[in-house]
């Protein structure tokens, strides 16, 4: 099995989270089913099942704008602890979060 490769990258500019979301939306068709996201202090990598990835530089887990970026790829993460520092090189999260049936219904 061969190692994956970076298929596309985008530079985040402060306050331009919508440009990142458009980048992810536009380039999404180049990846297979999304598998995981690595969130570093200064970048985010989004991997598919083949190991190929997209990279967004200039944004990381300490930034407030990381939440909409991770939401754009359906990442399962805790909003209260995403910004906490870690001694690890990166934080790893699974992507492809699904909403449960009738989540929006009032019982």
PDB file of N, CA and C in Angstrom:
ATOM      1  N   UNK A   1       0.836  -1.167   0.000  1.00  0.00           N
ATOM      2  CA  UNK A   1       0.000   0.000   0.000  1.00  0.00           C
ATOM      3  C   UNK A   1       0.886   1.238   0.000  1.00  0.00           C
ATOM      4  N   UNK A   2       0.598   2.201  -0.867  1.00  0.00           N
ATOM      5  CA  UNK A   2       1.403   3.401  -0.954  1.00  0.00           C
ATOM      6  C   UNK A   2       0.907   4.448   0.033  1.00  0.00           C
ATOM      7  N   UNK A   3       1.818   5.314   0.432  1.00  0.00           N
ATOM      8  CA  UNK A   3       1.436   6.405   1.328  1.00  0.00           C
ATOM      9  C   UNK A   3       0.636   7.441   0.555  1.00  0.00           C
ATOM     10  N   UNK A   4      -0.239   8.143   1.253  1.00  0.00           N
ATOM     11  CA  UNK A   4      -1.052   9.162   0.607  1.00  0.00           C
ATOM     12  C   UNK A   4      -0.237  10.398   0.280  1.00  0.00           C
ATOM     13  N   UNK A   5      -0.914  11.345  -0.329  1.00  0.00           N
ATOM     14  CA  UNK A   5      -0.239  12.587  -0.689  1.00  0.00           C
ATOM     15  C   UNK A   5      -1.191  13.763  -0.487  1.00  0.00           C
ATOM     16  N   UNK A   6      -0.625  14.938  -0.349  1.00  0.00           N
ATOM     17  CA  UNK A   6      -1.416  16.153  -0.210  1.00  0.00           C
ATOM     18  C   UNK A   6      -1.945  16.525  -1.594  1.00  0.00           C
ATOM     19  N   UNK A   7      -3.262  16.544  -1.756  1.00  0.00           N
ATOM     20  CA  UNK A   7      -3.881  16.835  -3.045  1.00  0.00           C
ATOM     21  C   UNK A   7      -4.100  18.324  -3.265  1.00  0.00           C
ATOM     22  N   UNK A   8      -4.282  19.073  -2.180  1.00  0.00           N
ATOM     23  CA  UNK A   8      -4.508  20.516  -2.302  1.00  0.00           C
ATOM     24  C   UNK A   8      -4.249  21.173  -0.957  1.00  0.00           C
ATOM     25  N   UNK A   9      -3.875  22.448  -1.002  1.00  0.00           N
ATOM     26  CA  UNK A   9      -3.705  23.191   0.243  1.00  0.00           C
ATOM     27  C   UNK A   9      -4.253  24.600   0.083  1.00  0.00           C
ATOM     28  N   UNK A  10      -4.529  25.200   1.217  1.00  0.00           N
ATOM     29  CA  UNK A  10      -5.122  26.531   1.250  1.00  0.00           C
ATOM     30  C   UNK A  10      -4.536  27.286   2.432  1.00  0.00           C
ATOM     31  N   UNK A  11      -4.265  28.563   2.249  1.00  0.00           N
ATOM     32  CA  UNK A  11      -3.736  29.399   3.329  1.00  0.00           C
ATOM     33  C   UNK A  11      -4.882  30.178   3.962  1.00  0.00           C
ATOM     34  N   UNK A  12      -5.097  29.989   5.267  1.00  0.00           N
ATOM     35  CA  UNK A  12      -6.128  30.698   6.007  1.00  0.00           C
ATOM     36  C   UNK A  12      -5.638  32.089   6.350  1.00  0.00           C
ATOM     37  N   UNK A  13      -6.454  33.078   6.094  1.00  0.00           N
ATOM     38  CA  UNK A  13      -6.198  34.447   6.521  1.00  0.00           C
ATOM     39  C   UNK A  13      -7.193  34.769   7.640  1.00  0.00           C
ATOM     40  N   UNK A  14      -6.750  35.416   8.716  1.00  0.00           N
ATOM     41  CA  UNK A  14      -7.643  35.704   9.849  1.00  0.00           C
ATOM     42  C   UNK A  14      -8.952  36.370   9.409  1.00  0.00           C
ATOM     43  N   UNK A  15     -10.058  35.811   9.905  1.00  0.00           N
ATOM     44  CA  UNK A  15     -11.379  36.336   9.586  1.00  0.00           C
ATOM     45  C   UNK A  15     -11.948  35.827   8.266  1.00  0.00           C
ATOM     46  N   UNK A  16     -11.218  34.997   7.558  1.00  0.00           N
ATOM     47  CA  UNK A  16     -11.656  34.501   6.251  1.00  0.00           C
ATOM     48  C   UNK A  16     -12.046  33.023   6.305  1.00  0.00           C
ATOM     49  N   UNK A  17     -12.798  32.639   7.334  1.00  0.00           N
ATOM     50  CA  UNK A  17     -13.196  31.240   7.489  1.00  0.00           C
ATOM     51  C   UNK A  17     -14.102  30.791   6.345  1.00  0.00           C
ATOM     52  N   UNK A  18     -14.876  31.707   5.785  1.00  0.00           N
ATOM     53  CA  UNK A  18     -15.759  31.337   4.671  1.00  0.00           C
ATOM     54  C   UNK A  18     -14.952  30.911   3.444  1.00  0.00           C
ATOM     55  N   UNK A  19     -13.795  31.493   3.232  1.00  0.00           N
ATOM     56  CA  UNK A  19     -12.924  31.096   2.117  1.00  0.00           C
ATOM     57  C   UNK A  19     -12.415  29.663   2.317  1.00  0.00           C
ATOM     58  N   UNK A  20     -12.127  29.301   3.553  1.00  0.00           N
ATOM     59  CA  UNK A  20     -11.697  27.927   3.861  1.00  0.00           C
ATOM     60  C   UNK A  20     -12.843  26.959   3.608  1.00  0.00           C
ATOM     61  N   UNK A  21     -14.035  27.318   4.043  1.00  0.00           N
ATOM     62  CA  UNK A  21     -15.205  26.448   3.819  1.00  0.00           C
ATOM     63  C   UNK A  21     -15.465  26.266   2.329  1.00  0.00           C
ATOM     64  N   UNK A  22     -15.312  27.312   1.539  1.00  0.00           N
ATOM     65  CA  UNK A  22     -15.476  27.213   0.079  1.00  0.00           C
ATOM     66  C   UNK A  22     -14.392  26.331  -0.527  1.00  0.00           C
ATOM     67  N   UNK A  23     -13.161  26.448  -0.041  1.00  0.00           N
ATOM     68  CA  UNK A  23     -12.072  25.591  -0.506  1.00  0.00           C
ATOM     69  C   UNK A  23     -12.396  24.127  -0.253  1.00  0.00           C
ATOM     70  N   UNK A  24     -12.856  23.821   0.961  1.00  0.00           N
ATOM     71  CA  UNK A  24     -13.188  22.438   1.298  1.00  0.00           C
ATOM     72  C   UNK A  24     -14.354  21.929   0.454  1.00  0.00           C
ATOM     73  N   UNK A  25     -15.339  22.767   0.249  1.00  0.00           N
ATOM     74  CA  UNK A  25     -16.497  22.377  -0.550  1.00  0.00           C
ATOM     75  C   UNK A  25     -16.099  22.143  -2.008  1.00  0.00           C
ATOM     76  N   UNK A  26     -15.266  23.022  -2.544  1.00  0.00           N
ATOM     77  CA  UNK A  26     -14.874  22.960  -3.946  1.00  0.00           C
ATOM     78  C   UNK A  26     -13.965  21.762  -4.241  1.00  0.00           C
ATOM     79  N   UNK A  27     -13.078  21.431  -3.327  1.00  0.00           N
ATOM     80  CA  UNK A  27     -12.099  20.375  -3.568  1.00  0.00           C
ATOM     81  C   UNK A  27     -12.507  19.020  -2.987  1.00  0.00           C
ATOM     82  N   UNK A  28     -13.618  18.945  -2.328  1.00  0.00           N
ATOM     83  CA  UNK A  28     -14.082  17.716  -1.671  1.00  0.00           C
ATOM     84  C   UNK A  28     -14.169  16.526  -2.623  1.00  0.00           C
ATOM     85  N   UNK A  29     -14.517  16.764  -3.870  1.00  0.00           N
ATOM     86  CA  UNK A  29     -14.693  15.663  -4.816  1.00  0.00           C
ATOM     87  C   UNK A  29     -13.380  14.963  -5.156  1.00  0.00           C
ATOM     88  N   UNK A  30     -12.239  15.542  -4.805  1.00  0.00           N
ATOM     89  CA  UNK A  30     -10.950  14.914  -5.089  1.00  0.00           C
ATOM     90  C   UNK A  30     -10.593  13.818  -4.091  1.00  0.00           C
ATOM     91  N   UNK A  31     -11.253  13.786  -2.962  1.00  0.00           N
ATOM     92  CA  UNK A  31     -10.982  12.772  -1.941  1.00  0.00           C
ATOM     93  C   UNK A  31     -12.064  11.694  -1.950  1.00  0.00           C
ATOM     94  N   UNK A  32     -11.725  10.541  -1.448  1.00  0.00           N
ATOM     95  CA  UNK A  32     -12.712   9.490  -1.203  1.00  0.00           C
ATOM     96  C   UNK A  32     -13.436   9.807   0.099  1.00  0.00           C
ATOM     97  N   UNK A  33     -14.059   8.825   0.730  1.00  0.00           N
ATOM     98  CA  UNK A  33     -14.757   9.042   1.992  1.00  0.00           C
ATOM     99  C   UNK A  33     -13.782   9.591   3.038  1.00  0.00           C
ATOM    100  N   UNK A  34     -14.176  10.673   3.699  1.00  0.00           N
ATOM    101  CA  UNK A  34     -13.308  11.280   4.704  1.00  0.00           C
ATOM    102  C   UNK A  34     -13.177  10.363   5.908  1.00  0.00           C
ATOM    103  N   UNK A  35     -11.986  10.325   6.468  1.00  0.00           N
ATOM    104  CA  UNK A  35     -11.692   9.396   7.550  1.00  0.00           C
ATOM    105  C   UNK A  35     -11.354  10.087   8.867  1.00  0.00           C
ATOM    106  N   UNK A  36     -10.440  11.083   8.812  1.00  0.00           N
ATOM    107  CA  UNK A  36      -9.980  11.715  10.046  1.00  0.00           C
ATOM    108  C   UNK A  36      -9.417  13.096   9.746  1.00  0.00           C
ATOM    109  N   UNK A  37      -9.264  13.871  10.813  1.00  0.00           N
ATOM    110  CA  UNK A  37      -8.662  15.199  10.717  1.00  0.00           C
ATOM    111  C   UNK A  37      -7.577  15.308  11.782  1.00  0.00           C
ATOM    112  N   UNK A  38      -6.423  15.788  11.381  1.00  0.00           N
ATOM    113  CA  UNK A  38      -5.346  16.103  12.314  1.00  0.00           C
ATOM    114  C   UNK A  38      -5.350  17.613  12.474  1.00  0.00           C
ATOM    115  N   UNK A  39      -5.452  18.079  13.711  1.00  0.00           N
ATOM    116  CA  UNK A  39      -5.473  19.506  13.985  1.00  0.00           C
ATOM    117  C   UNK A  39      -4.212  19.854  14.779  1.00  0.00           C
ATOM    118  N   UNK A  40      -3.318  20.581  14.134  1.00  0.00           N
ATOM    119  CA  UNK A  40      -2.076  21.039  14.743  1.00  0.00           C
ATOM    120  C   UNK A  40      -2.286  22.445  15.303  1.00  0.00           C
ATOM    121  N   UNK A  41      -1.249  23.023  15.875  1.00  0.00           N
ATOM    122  CA  UNK A  41      -1.328  24.409  16.360  1.00  0.00           C
ATOM    123  C   UNK A  41      -1.470  25.398  15.202  1.00  0.00           C
ATOM    124  N   UNK A  42      -0.930  25.038  14.036  1.00  0.00           N
ATOM    125  CA  UNK A  42      -0.878  25.991  12.930  1.00  0.00           C
ATOM    126  C   UNK A  42      -1.458  25.484  11.613  1.00  0.00           C
ATOM    127  N   UNK A  43      -2.054  24.296  11.624  1.00  0.00           N
ATOM    128  CA  UNK A  43      -2.623  23.759  10.381  1.00  0.00           C
ATOM    129  C   UNK A  43      -3.601  22.632  10.674  1.00  0.00           C
ATOM    130  N   UNK A  44      -4.396  22.296   9.650  1.00  0.00           N
ATOM    131  CA  UNK A  44      -5.368  21.201   9.727  1.00  0.00           C
ATOM    132  C   UNK A  44      -5.171  20.324   8.502  1.00  0.00           C
ATOM    133  N   UNK A  45      -5.138  19.024   8.709  1.00  0.00           N
ATOM    134  CA  UNK A  45      -5.072  18.074   7.599  1.00  0.00           C
ATOM    135  C   UNK A  45      -6.316  17.197   7.661  1.00  0.00           C
ATOM    136  N   UNK A  46      -6.977  17.029   6.508  1.00  0.00           N
ATOM    137  CA  UNK A  46      -8.195  16.222   6.417  1.00  0.00           C
ATOM    138  C   UNK A  46      -7.896  15.039   5.512  1.00  0.00           C
ATOM    139  N   UNK A  47      -7.975  13.831   6.068  1.00  0.00           N
ATOM    140  CA  UNK A  47      -7.584  12.607   5.377  1.00  0.00           C
ATOM    141  C   UNK A  47      -8.787  11.825   4.879  1.00  0.00           C
ATOM    142  N   UNK A  48      -8.589  11.097   3.763  1.00  0.00           N
ATOM    143  CA  UNK A  48      -9.611  10.174   3.294  1.00  0.00           C
ATOM    144  C   UNK A  48      -9.169   8.744   3.590  1.00  0.00           C
ATOM    145  N   UNK A  49      -9.950   7.762   3.157  1.00  0.00           N
ATOM    146  CA  UNK A  49      -9.665   6.360   3.465  1.00  0.00           C
ATOM    147  C   UNK A  49      -8.400   5.854   2.782  1.00  0.00           C
ATOM    148  N   UNK A  50      -7.947   6.515   1.722  1.00  0.00           N
ATOM    149  CA  UNK A  50      -6.728   6.104   1.018  1.00  0.00           C
ATOM    150  C   UNK A  50      -5.472   6.756   1.581  1.00  0.00           C
ATOM    151  N   UNK A  51      -5.631   7.667   2.535  1.00  0.00           N
ATOM    152  CA  UNK A  51      -4.478   8.342   3.104  1.00  0.00           C
ATOM    153  C   UNK A  51      -4.147   9.654   2.414  1.00  0.00           C
ATOM    154  N   UNK A  52      -4.857  10.017   1.363  1.00  0.00           N
ATOM    155  CA  UNK A  52      -4.670  11.312   0.718  1.00  0.00           C
ATOM    156  C   UNK A  52      -5.285  12.384   1.603  1.00  0.00           C
ATOM    157  N   UNK A  53      -4.816  13.635   1.476  1.00  0.00           N
ATOM    158  CA  UNK A  53      -5.336  14.677   2.350  1.00  0.00           C
ATOM    159  C   UNK A  53      -5.328  16.052   1.699  1.00  0.00           C
ATOM    160  N   UNK A  54      -6.107  16.929   2.331  1.00  0.00           N
ATOM    161  CA  UNK A  54      -6.104  18.368   2.085  1.00  0.00           C
ATOM    162  C   UNK A  54      -5.473  19.014   3.295  1.00  0.00           C
ATOM    163  N   UNK A  55      -4.867  20.178   3.083  1.00  0.00           N
ATOM    164  CA  UNK A  55      -4.260  20.876   4.205  1.00  0.00           C
ATOM    165  C   UNK A  55      -4.668  22.344   4.188  1.00  0.00           C
ATOM    166  N   UNK A  56      -5.017  22.846   5.358  1.00  0.00           N
ATOM    167  CA  UNK A  56      -5.312  24.270   5.541  1.00  0.00           C
ATOM    168  C   UNK A  56      -4.285  24.787   6.539  1.00  0.00           C
ATOM    169  N   UNK A  57      -3.409  25.682   6.084  1.00  0.00           N
ATOM    170  CA  UNK A  57      -2.371  26.225   6.951  1.00  0.00           C
ATOM    171  C   UNK A  57      -2.813  27.572   7.508  1.00  0.00           C
ATOM    172  N   UNK A  58      -2.216  27.957   8.620  1.00  0.00           N
ATOM    173  CA  UNK A  58      -2.524  29.245   9.222  1.00  0.00           C
ATOM    174  C   UNK A  58      -3.645  29.216  10.247  1.00  0.00           C
ATOM    175  N   UNK A  59      -4.184  28.058  10.520  1.00  0.00           N
ATOM    176  CA  UNK A  59      -5.247  27.915  11.519  1.00  0.00           C
ATOM    177  C   UNK A  59      -5.011  26.604  12.262  1.00  0.00           C
ATOM    178  N   UNK A  60      -5.280  26.607  13.573  1.00  0.00           N
ATOM    179  CA  UNK A  60      -5.078  25.414  14.370  1.00  0.00           C
ATOM    180  C   UNK A  60      -6.028  25.377  15.542  1.00  0.00           C
ATOM    181  N   UNK A  61      -5.823  24.430  16.440  1.00  0.00           N
ATOM    182  CA  UNK A  61      -6.771  24.261  17.541  1.00  0.00           C
ATOM    183  C   UNK A  61      -6.854  25.455  18.492  1.00  0.00           C
ATOM    184  N   UNK A  62      -5.823  26.319  18.636  1.00  0.00           N
ATOM    185  CA  UNK A  62      -6.006  27.480  19.524  1.00  0.00           C
ATOM    186  C   UNK A  62      -6.942  28.553  18.946  1.00  0.00           C
ATOM    187  N   UNK A  63      -7.185  28.539  17.641  1.00  0.00           N
ATOM    188  CA  UNK A  63      -7.981  29.576  16.983  1.00  0.00           C
ATOM    189  C   UNK A  63      -9.481  29.325  17.112  1.00  0.00           C
ATOM    190  N   UNK A  64     -10.238  30.401  17.299  1.00  0.00           N
ATOM    191  CA  UNK A  64     -11.696  30.289  17.424  1.00  0.00           C
ATOM    192  C   UNK A  64     -12.345  29.822  16.121  1.00  0.00           C
ATOM    193  N   UNK A  65     -11.770  30.174  14.982  1.00  0.00           N
ATOM    194  CA  UNK A  65     -12.353  29.812  13.685  1.00  0.00           C
ATOM    195  C   UNK A  65     -12.169  28.341  13.318  1.00  0.00           C
ATOM    196  N   UNK A  66     -11.510  27.565  14.174  1.00  0.00           N
ATOM    197  CA  UNK A  66     -11.334  26.141  13.871  1.00  0.00           C
ATOM    198  C   UNK A  66     -12.663  25.395  13.945  1.00  0.00           C
ATOM    199  N   UNK A  67     -13.594  25.861  14.764  1.00  0.00           N
ATOM    200  CA  UNK A  67     -14.871  25.162  14.933  1.00  0.00           C
ATOM    201  C   UNK A  67     -15.659  25.092  13.627  1.00  0.00           C
ATOM    202  N   UNK A  68     -15.882  26.201  12.885  1.00  0.00           N
ATOM    203  CA  UNK A  68     -16.607  26.075  11.618  1.00  0.00           C
ATOM    204  C   UNK A  68     -15.859  25.259  10.566  1.00  0.00           C
ATOM    205  N   UNK A  69     -14.524  25.274  10.631  1.00  0.00           N
ATOM    206  CA  UNK A  69     -13.746  24.478   9.676  1.00  0.00           C
ATOM    207  C   UNK A  69     -13.976  22.995   9.938  1.00  0.00           C
ATOM    208  N   UNK A  70     -13.907  22.572  11.192  1.00  0.00           N
ATOM    209  CA  UNK A  70     -14.138  21.166  11.527  1.00  0.00           C
ATOM    210  C   UNK A  70     -15.586  20.762  11.285  1.00  0.00           C
ATOM    211  N   UNK A  71     -16.518  21.677  11.533  1.00  0.00           N
ATOM    212  CA  UNK A  71     -17.924  21.391  11.235  1.00  0.00           C
ATOM    213  C   UNK A  71     -18.146  21.177   9.741  1.00  0.00           C
ATOM    214  N   UNK A  72     -17.377  21.848   8.910  1.00  0.00           N
ATOM    215  CA  UNK A  72     -17.539  21.739   7.457  1.00  0.00           C
ATOM    216  C   UNK A  72     -17.239  20.333   6.940  1.00  0.00           C
ATOM    217  N   UNK A  73     -16.422  19.585   7.671  1.00  0.00           N
ATOM    218  CA  UNK A  73     -16.111  18.208   7.264  1.00  0.00           C
ATOM    219  C   UNK A  73     -16.696  17.190   8.234  1.00  0.00           C
ATOM    220  N   UNK A  74     -17.700  17.619   9.000  1.00  0.00           N
ATOM    221  CA  UNK A  74     -18.435  16.732   9.914  1.00  0.00           C
ATOM    222  C   UNK A  74     -17.523  16.004  10.896  1.00  0.00           C
ATOM    223  N   UNK A  75     -16.655  16.756  11.534  1.00  0.00           N
ATOM    224  CA  UNK A  75     -15.722  16.193  12.505  1.00  0.00           C
ATOM    225  C   UNK A  75     -16.389  16.057  13.871  1.00  0.00           C
ATOM    226  N   UNK A  76     -16.151  14.936  14.514  1.00  0.00           N
ATOM    227  CA  UNK A  76     -16.672  14.704  15.871  1.00  0.00           C
ATOM    228  C   UNK A  76     -15.639  15.212  16.875  1.00  0.00           C
ATOM    229  N   UNK A  77     -15.964  16.303  17.564  1.00  0.00           N
ATOM    230  CA  UNK A  77     -15.051  16.880  18.543  1.00  0.00           C
ATOM    231  C   UNK A  77     -15.845  17.584  19.638  1.00  0.00           C
ATOM    232  N   UNK A  78     -15.178  17.854  20.738  1.00  0.00           N
ATOM    233  CA  UNK A  78     -15.806  18.528  21.867  1.00  0.00           C
ATOM    234  C   UNK A  78     -15.517  20.026  21.763  1.00  0.00           C
ATOM    235  N   UNK A  79     -16.548  20.825  21.606  1.00  0.00           N
ATOM    236  CA  UNK A  79     -16.389  22.277  21.442  1.00  0.00           C
ATOM    237  C   UNK A  79     -15.784  22.954  22.668  1.00  0.00           C
ATOM    238  N   UNK A  80     -15.960  22.386  23.841  1.00  0.00           N
ATOM    239  CA  UNK A  80     -15.437  22.992  25.063  1.00  0.00           C
ATOM    240  C   UNK A  80     -13.942  22.739  25.244  1.00  0.00           C
ATOM    241  N   UNK A  81     -13.420  21.653  24.688  1.00  0.00           N
ATOM    242  CA  UNK A  81     -12.016  21.315  24.921  1.00  0.00           C
ATOM    243  C   UNK A  81     -11.136  21.423  23.684  1.00  0.00           C
ATOM    244  N   UNK A  82     -11.685  21.784  22.554  1.00  0.00           N
ATOM    245  CA  UNK A  82     -10.891  21.838  21.321  1.00  0.00           C
ATOM    246  C   UNK A  82      -9.723  22.813  21.438  1.00  0.00           C
ATOM    247  N   UNK A  83      -9.886  23.902  22.176  1.00  0.00           N
ATOM    248  CA  UNK A  83      -8.853  24.937  22.241  1.00  0.00           C
ATOM    249  C   UNK A  83      -7.795  24.694  23.320  1.00  0.00           C
ATOM    250  N   UNK A  84      -7.981  23.673  24.134  1.00  0.00           N
ATOM    251  CA  UNK A  84      -7.013  23.400  25.199  1.00  0.00           C
ATOM    252  C   UNK A  84      -5.694  22.905  24.611  1.00  0.00           C
ATOM    253  N   UNK A  85      -4.569  23.365  25.162  1.00  0.00           N
ATOM    254  CA  UNK A  85      -3.256  22.926  24.673  1.00  0.00           C
ATOM    255  C   UNK A  85      -3.028  21.433  24.932  1.00  0.00           C
ATOM    256  N   UNK A  86      -2.161  20.849  24.128  1.00  0.00           N
ATOM    257  CA  UNK A  86      -1.797  19.448  24.297  1.00  0.00           C
ATOM    258  C   UNK A  86      -0.290  19.307  24.123  1.00  0.00           C
ATOM    259  N   UNK A  87       0.274  18.289  24.743  1.00  0.00           N
ATOM    260  CA  UNK A  87       1.699  18.022  24.587  1.00  0.00           C
ATOM    261  C   UNK A  87       1.965  17.202  23.331  1.00  0.00           C
ATOM    262  N   UNK A  88       0.918  16.649  22.754  1.00  0.00           N
ATOM    263  CA  UNK A  88       1.069  15.879  21.520  1.00  0.00           C
ATOM    264  C   UNK A  88       1.314  16.809  20.346  1.00  0.00           C
ATOM    265  N   UNK A  89       1.799  16.247  19.260  1.00  0.00           N
ATOM    266  CA  UNK A  89       2.068  17.043  18.063  1.00  0.00           C
ATOM    267  C   UNK A  89       0.778  17.584  17.444  1.00  0.00           C
ATOM    268  N   UNK A  90      -0.299  16.788  17.517  1.00  0.00           N
ATOM    269  CA  UNK A  90      -1.580  17.186  16.941  1.00  0.00           C
ATOM    270  C   UNK A  90      -2.704  16.496  17.681  1.00  0.00           C
ATOM    271  N   UNK A  91      -3.926  16.956  17.423  1.00  0.00           N
ATOM    272  CA  UNK A  91      -5.131  16.306  17.938  1.00  0.00           C
ATOM    273  C   UNK A  91      -5.774  15.583  16.766  1.00  0.00           C
ATOM    274  N   UNK A  92      -6.178  14.339  16.983  1.00  0.00           N
ATOM    275  CA  UNK A  92      -6.786  13.531  15.919  1.00  0.00           C
ATOM    276  C   UNK A  92      -8.270  13.330  16.208  1.00  0.00           C
ATOM    277  N   UNK A  93      -9.091  13.559  15.176  1.00  0.00           N
ATOM    278  CA  UNK A  93     -10.539  13.391  15.282  1.00  0.00           C
ATOM    279  C   UNK A  93     -11.050  12.612  14.093  1.00  0.00           C
ATOM    280  N   UNK A  94     -12.099  11.837  14.307  1.00  0.00           N
ATOM    281  CA  UNK A  94     -12.768  11.142  13.212  1.00  0.00           C
ATOM    282  C   UNK A  94     -13.715  12.104  12.506  1.00  0.00           C
ATOM    283  N   UNK A  95     -13.886  11.901  11.225  1.00  0.00           N
ATOM    284  CA  UNK A  95     -14.818  12.723  10.457  1.00  0.00           C
ATOM    285  C   UNK A  95     -15.985  11.863  10.011  1.00  0.00           C
ATOM    286  N   UNK A  96     -16.957  12.495   9.368  1.00  0.00           N
ATOM    287  CA  UNK A  96     -18.105  11.748   8.885  1.00  0.00           C
ATOM    288  C   UNK A  96     -19.185  11.586   9.929  1.00  0.00           C
ATOM    289  N   UNK A  97     -19.206  12.496  10.921  1.00  0.00           N
ATOM    290  CA  UNK A  97     -20.235  12.452  11.972  1.00  0.00           C
ATOM    291  C   UNK A  97     -21.623  12.444  11.337  1.00  0.00           C
ATOM    292  N   UNK A  98     -22.507  11.657  11.866  1.00  0.00           N
ATOM    293  CA  UNK A  98     -23.878  11.575  11.352  1.00  0.00           C
ATOM    294  C   UNK A  98     -24.835  12.045  12.440  1.00  0.00           C
ATOM    295  N   UNK A  99     -25.938  12.627  12.023  1.00  0.00           N
ATOM    296  CA  UNK A  99     -26.958  13.056  12.970  1.00  0.00           C
ATOM    297  C   UNK A  99     -27.966  11.931  13.163  1.00  0.00           C
ATOM    298  N   UNK A 100     -28.377  11.762  14.393  1.00  0.00           N
ATOM    299  CA  UNK A 100     -29.327  10.703  14.686  1.00  0.00           C
ATOM    300  C   UNK A 100     -30.706  11.041  14.134  1.00  0.00           C
ATOM    301  N   UNK A 101     -31.462  10.028  13.881  1.00  0.00           N
ATOM    302  CA  UNK A 101     -32.819  10.207  13.384  1.00  0.00           C
ATOM    303  C   UNK A 101     -33.627  10.991  14.408  1.00  0.00           C
ATOM    304  N   UNK A 102     -34.388  11.951  13.943  1.00  0.00           N
ATOM    305  CA  UNK A 102     -35.281  12.755  14.768  1.00  0.00           C
ATOM    306  C   UNK A 102     -34.555  13.640  15.789  1.00  0.00           C
ATOM    307  N   UNK A 103     -33.315  13.998  15.495  1.00  0.00           N
ATOM    308  CA  UNK A 103     -32.553  14.851  16.398  1.00  0.00           C
ATOM    309  C   UNK A 103     -33.241  16.192  16.624  1.00  0.00           C
ATOM    310  N   UNK A 104     -33.902  16.701  15.604  1.00  0.00           N
ATOM    311  CA  UNK A 104     -34.507  18.016  15.696  1.00  0.00           C
ATOM    312  C   UNK A 104     -35.951  17.985  16.193  1.00  0.00           C
ATOM    313  N   UNK A 105     -36.479  16.818  16.475  1.00  0.00           N
ATOM    314  CA  UNK A 105     -37.860  16.730  16.947  1.00  0.00           C
ATOM    315  C   UNK A 105     -37.962  16.932  18.447  1.00  0.00           C
ATOM    316  N   UNK A 106     -39.016  17.521  18.869  1.00  0.00           N
ATOM    317  CA  UNK A 106     -39.266  17.715  20.294  1.00  0.00           C
ATOM    318  C   UNK A 106     -40.158  16.581  20.780  1.00  0.00           C
ATOM    319  N   UNK A 107     -39.737  15.908  21.796  1.00  0.00           N
ATOM    320  CA  UNK A 107     -40.522  14.784  22.311  1.00  0.00           C
ATOM    321  C   UNK A 107     -41.190  15.160  23.595  1.00  0.00           C
TER     322      UNK A 107
END
